[in-house]
Amino acid sequence: MHKLFQFLIGLWFGFTILFCSPQTTSKDRVDAMVKNNKEPLEVFAGSLLREILGNQLKSFELGTNKSNEKELHLYYGGNSALSFHDQSEYRDQTLSFHSLVQLRVVYGFLSFGIPEFSFSLYKPFYIKGETNPDVEVQDFEVLRTTIPRITVQNILEEHPQFDPFVNPKQNSQDWETINKKIQSQWKLELDELYRVSLE
């Protein structure tokens, strides 16, 4: 994977779907889905995640952690290898995007009592290898974090006016504080962002 990252010539599009543009879902819509749900979690989880993430959802798994407690593993990311960010802001924007996804997903699953969540961010990259002169797009996991439900729940309770489904730019003051709290308390398990180069 290291060699492939050395030959990056472009990458994932900006954060227009989840971060910079209006959402197709809302807090009220998510609340209604949870309230009216009659299905077991294993079935309902897919519907709820698709509502929250749309085509950003790649897959998910309901498993257990080392303490034999339930854990939701989420795999998500964009579908385009274009970027609207330069190198100087790329990492910060990616981490902020990851924070927002965690807030939205954990909020949606609060009532199900899942103790821990794992988030894997995948991005498609334009790749040109030494032995392959043709450019192709491949998906790579660039960021993986875990965070306890109670951590996100406490942060949301500390900021009751903050709506994670509204564009963060409309909640800029709260968002800056919340974003820092989320990033300071998640467990970073994989970080390949330093390998990314923009051209």
Protein backbone atom coordinates (compact mmCIF):
# COMPACT_ATOMS: atom_id res chain seq x y z
CA MET A 1 0.00 0.00 0.00
CA HIS A 2 2.91 2.31 0.72
CA LYS A 3 4.05 2.28 -2.92
CA LEU A 4 0.56 2.99 -4.15
CA PHE A 5 0.26 6.06 -1.96
CA GLN A 6 3.52 7.36 -3.37
CA PHE A 7 1.93 7.57 -6.79
CA LEU A 8 -1.22 9.40 -5.88
CA ILE A 9 -2.09 11.97 -8.49
CA GLY A 10 -5.47 13.08 -7.23
CA LEU A 11 -8.14 12.11 -4.83
CA TRP A 12 -11.54 12.16 -3.27
CA PHE A 13 -14.05 14.92 -3.86
CA GLY A 14 -14.76 17.68 -1.31
CA PHE A 15 -17.18 17.21 1.49
CA THR A 16 -20.26 18.33 -0.39
CA ILE A 17 -22.52 15.43 0.53
CA LEU A 18 -22.16 15.25 4.31
CA PHE A 19 -20.22 18.32 5.32
CA CYS A 20 -20.85 21.25 3.05
CA SER A 21 -24.27 20.69 1.55
CA PRO A 22 -27.78 20.34 2.93
CA GLN A 23 -28.77 16.85 4.01
CA THR A 24 -31.61 14.79 2.65
CA THR A 25 -32.36 13.61 6.17
CA SER A 26 -32.92 15.43 9.44
CA LYS A 27 -32.91 14.90 13.17
CA ASP A 28 -36.71 14.66 13.15
CA ARG A 29 -36.63 12.05 10.40
CA VAL A 30 -34.07 9.93 12.27
CA ASP A 31 -36.05 10.27 15.53
CA ALA A 32 -39.22 9.15 13.75
CA MET A 33 -37.52 6.12 12.21
CA VAL A 34 -36.18 5.00 15.58
CA LYS A 35 -39.50 5.60 17.36
CA ASN A 36 -41.53 3.67 14.77
CA ASN A 37 -39.09 0.82 14.32
CA LYS A 38 -40.43 -2.70 14.86
CA GLU A 39 -37.46 -4.61 13.45
CA PRO A 40 -34.55 -6.17 15.34
CA LEU A 41 -31.39 -4.07 15.45
CA GLU A 42 -29.58 -6.39 13.03
CA VAL A 43 -32.17 -5.57 10.37
CA PHE A 44 -32.96 -1.96 11.25
CA ALA A 45 -29.31 -0.86 11.44
CA GLY A 46 -28.92 -0.98 7.67
CA SER A 47 -32.00 1.17 7.05
CA LEU A 48 -30.96 3.74 9.64
CA LEU A 49 -27.39 3.97 8.37
CA ARG A 50 -28.57 4.43 4.79
CA GLU A 51 -30.87 7.21 5.95
CA ILE A 52 -28.01 8.95 7.77
CA LEU A 53 -25.18 8.38 5.28
CA GLY A 54 -26.88 7.85 1.93
CA ASN A 55 -24.46 6.63 -0.72
CA GLN A 56 -21.53 7.25 1.61
CA LEU A 57 -22.36 3.98 3.39
CA LYS A 58 -20.17 1.12 2.19
CA SER A 59 -20.95 -1.58 4.76
CA PHE A 60 -21.35 -2.24 8.47
CA GLU A 61 -21.00 -5.04 10.99
CA LEU A 62 -22.59 -5.59 14.37
CA GLY A 63 -20.03 -7.44 16.46
CA THR A 64 -18.51 -7.49 19.91
CA ASN A 65 -15.48 -5.78 21.39
CA LYS A 66 -12.79 -7.24 23.66
CA SER A 67 -15.15 -6.95 26.62
CA ASN A 68 -17.75 -9.00 24.74
CA GLU A 69 -20.03 -5.97 24.44
CA LYS A 70 -21.87 -4.96 21.29
CA GLU A 71 -19.93 -2.83 18.83
CA LEU A 72 -20.98 -1.29 15.54
CA HIS A 73 -18.29 -1.27 12.86
CA LEU A 74 -19.05 1.27 10.14
CA TYR A 75 -17.29 1.53 6.77
CA TYR A 76 -18.05 4.64 4.77
CA GLY A 77 -16.59 7.11 2.29
CA GLY A 78 -16.98 9.04 -0.94
CA ASN A 79 -17.41 7.73 -4.46
CA SER A 80 -15.39 10.28 -6.40
CA ALA A 81 -11.63 10.75 -6.61
CA LEU A 82 -11.78 14.53 -7.02
CA SER A 83 -10.86 17.03 -4.32
CA PHE A 84 -11.69 20.68 -3.78
CA HIS A 85 -9.26 21.11 -0.89
CA ASP A 86 -5.57 21.94 -0.94
CA GLN A 87 -2.92 20.13 1.07
CA SER A 88 -2.90 22.68 3.89
CA GLU A 89 -6.56 22.18 4.81
CA TYR A 90 -7.05 18.58 3.71
CA ARG A 91 -6.28 16.85 7.01
CA ASP A 92 -8.32 19.22 9.17
CA GLN A 93 -11.33 18.95 6.85
CA THR A 94 -11.09 15.15 6.79
CA LEU A 95 -10.98 14.90 10.58
CA SER A 96 -13.88 17.33 10.92
CA PHE A 97 -15.87 15.30 8.43
CA HIS A 98 -15.12 12.15 10.45
CA SER A 99 -16.27 13.87 13.66
CA LEU A 100 -19.55 14.85 12.08
CA VAL A 101 -20.24 11.32 10.86
CA GLN A 102 -19.63 10.00 14.36
CA LEU A 103 -22.05 12.49 15.90
CA ARG A 104 -24.79 11.65 13.41
CA VAL A 105 -24.43 7.89 13.59
CA VAL A 106 -24.07 7.62 17.36
CA TYR A 107 -27.03 9.96 17.82
CA GLY A 108 -29.15 7.71 15.63
CA PHE A 109 -28.26 4.63 17.68
CA LEU A 110 -28.40 6.12 21.19
CA SER A 111 -31.51 4.21 22.22
CA PHE A 112 -30.06 0.82 21.21
CA GLY A 113 -27.47 0.73 23.98
CA ILE A 114 -24.45 -0.07 21.79
CA PRO A 115 -21.45 0.69 24.04
CA GLU A 116 -18.83 1.30 21.35
CA PHE A 117 -18.61 2.38 17.73
CA SER A 118 -15.84 1.91 15.17
CA PHE A 119 -15.62 4.18 12.12
CA SER A 120 -13.51 3.39 9.05
CA LEU A 121 -13.21 6.08 6.40
CA TYR A 122 -12.43 4.92 2.87
CA LYS A 123 -11.49 7.18 0.01
CA PRO A 124 -11.05 6.47 -3.69
CA PHE A 125 -7.73 7.58 -5.13
CA TYR A 126 -6.35 7.96 -8.60
CA ILE A 127 -3.44 5.53 -8.66
CA LYS A 128 -0.58 5.25 -11.11
CA GLY A 129 1.87 2.49 -10.26
CA GLU A 130 5.41 1.79 -11.43
CA THR A 131 4.31 -1.27 -13.35
CA ASN A 132 0.95 0.14 -14.39
CA PRO A 133 1.11 3.29 -16.56
CA ASP A 134 -2.68 3.57 -16.69
CA VAL A 135 -4.43 5.56 -14.00
CA GLU A 136 -7.12 3.72 -12.06
CA VAL A 137 -9.28 4.44 -9.05
CA GLN A 138 -8.93 2.28 -5.94
CA ASP A 139 -10.49 2.52 -2.48
CA PHE A 140 -8.23 2.74 0.57
CA GLU A 141 -8.95 2.93 4.26
CA VAL A 142 -7.32 6.17 5.40
CA LEU A 143 -8.74 6.66 8.89
CA ARG A 144 -10.14 4.39 11.61
CA THR A 145 -11.31 5.43 15.06
CA THR A 146 -13.34 3.96 17.90
CA ILE A 147 -15.38 5.93 20.38
CA PRO A 148 -17.67 4.95 23.28
CA ARG A 149 -21.35 5.82 22.98
CA ILE A 150 -21.28 7.57 26.35
CA THR A 151 -18.60 9.98 25.14
CA VAL A 152 -20.69 11.22 22.24
CA GLN A 153 -23.84 11.19 24.35
CA ASN A 154 -22.21 13.41 26.98
CA ILE A 155 -20.99 15.86 24.34
CA LEU A 156 -24.44 16.11 22.78
CA GLU A 157 -26.00 16.65 26.22
CA GLU A 158 -23.50 19.43 26.92
CA HIS A 159 -24.66 21.16 23.72
CA PRO A 160 -28.44 20.59 23.63
CA GLN A 161 -29.02 23.22 20.94
CA PHE A 162 -26.60 21.62 18.52
CA ASP A 163 -28.21 19.66 15.69
CA PRO A 164 -25.70 17.24 14.12
CA PHE A 165 -27.86 16.97 10.99
CA VAL A 166 -27.66 20.66 10.19
CA ASN A 167 -24.74 22.01 8.20
CA PRO A 168 -22.00 22.74 10.81
CA LYS A 169 -21.41 26.14 9.24
CA GLN A 170 -24.76 27.20 10.68
CA ASN A 171 -23.57 26.15 14.16
CA SER A 172 -20.00 27.35 13.75
CA GLN A 173 -19.29 28.31 17.37
CA ASP A 174 -20.71 25.12 18.88
CA TRP A 175 -19.23 23.02 16.12
CA GLU A 176 -15.69 24.21 16.71
CA THR A 177 -15.93 23.20 20.39
CA ILE A 178 -17.69 19.90 19.72
CA ASN A 179 -15.28 18.94 16.96
CA LYS A 180 -12.31 19.42 19.28
CA LYS A 181 -13.98 17.36 22.02
CA ILE A 182 -14.74 14.46 19.68
CA GLN A 183 -11.22 14.36 18.27
CA SER A 184 -9.62 14.54 21.70
CA GLN A 185 -11.61 11.55 22.96
CA TRP A 186 -11.73 9.10 20.10
CA LYS A 187 -9.18 6.29 19.89
CA LEU A 188 -7.15 6.59 16.72
CA GLU A 189 -6.46 3.13 15.32
CA LEU A 190 -5.37 3.94 11.77
CA ASP A 191 -4.16 7.19 10.23
CA GLU A 192 -2.92 7.13 6.66
CA LEU A 193 -3.69 10.77 5.95
CA TYR A 194 -0.03 11.72 6.17
CA ARG A 195 0.60 9.55 3.09
CA VAL A 196 -1.85 11.51 0.96
CA SER A 197 -0.46 13.99 -1.52
CA LEU A 198 -2.60 16.35 -3.61
CA GLU A 199 -1.68 17.37 -7.10
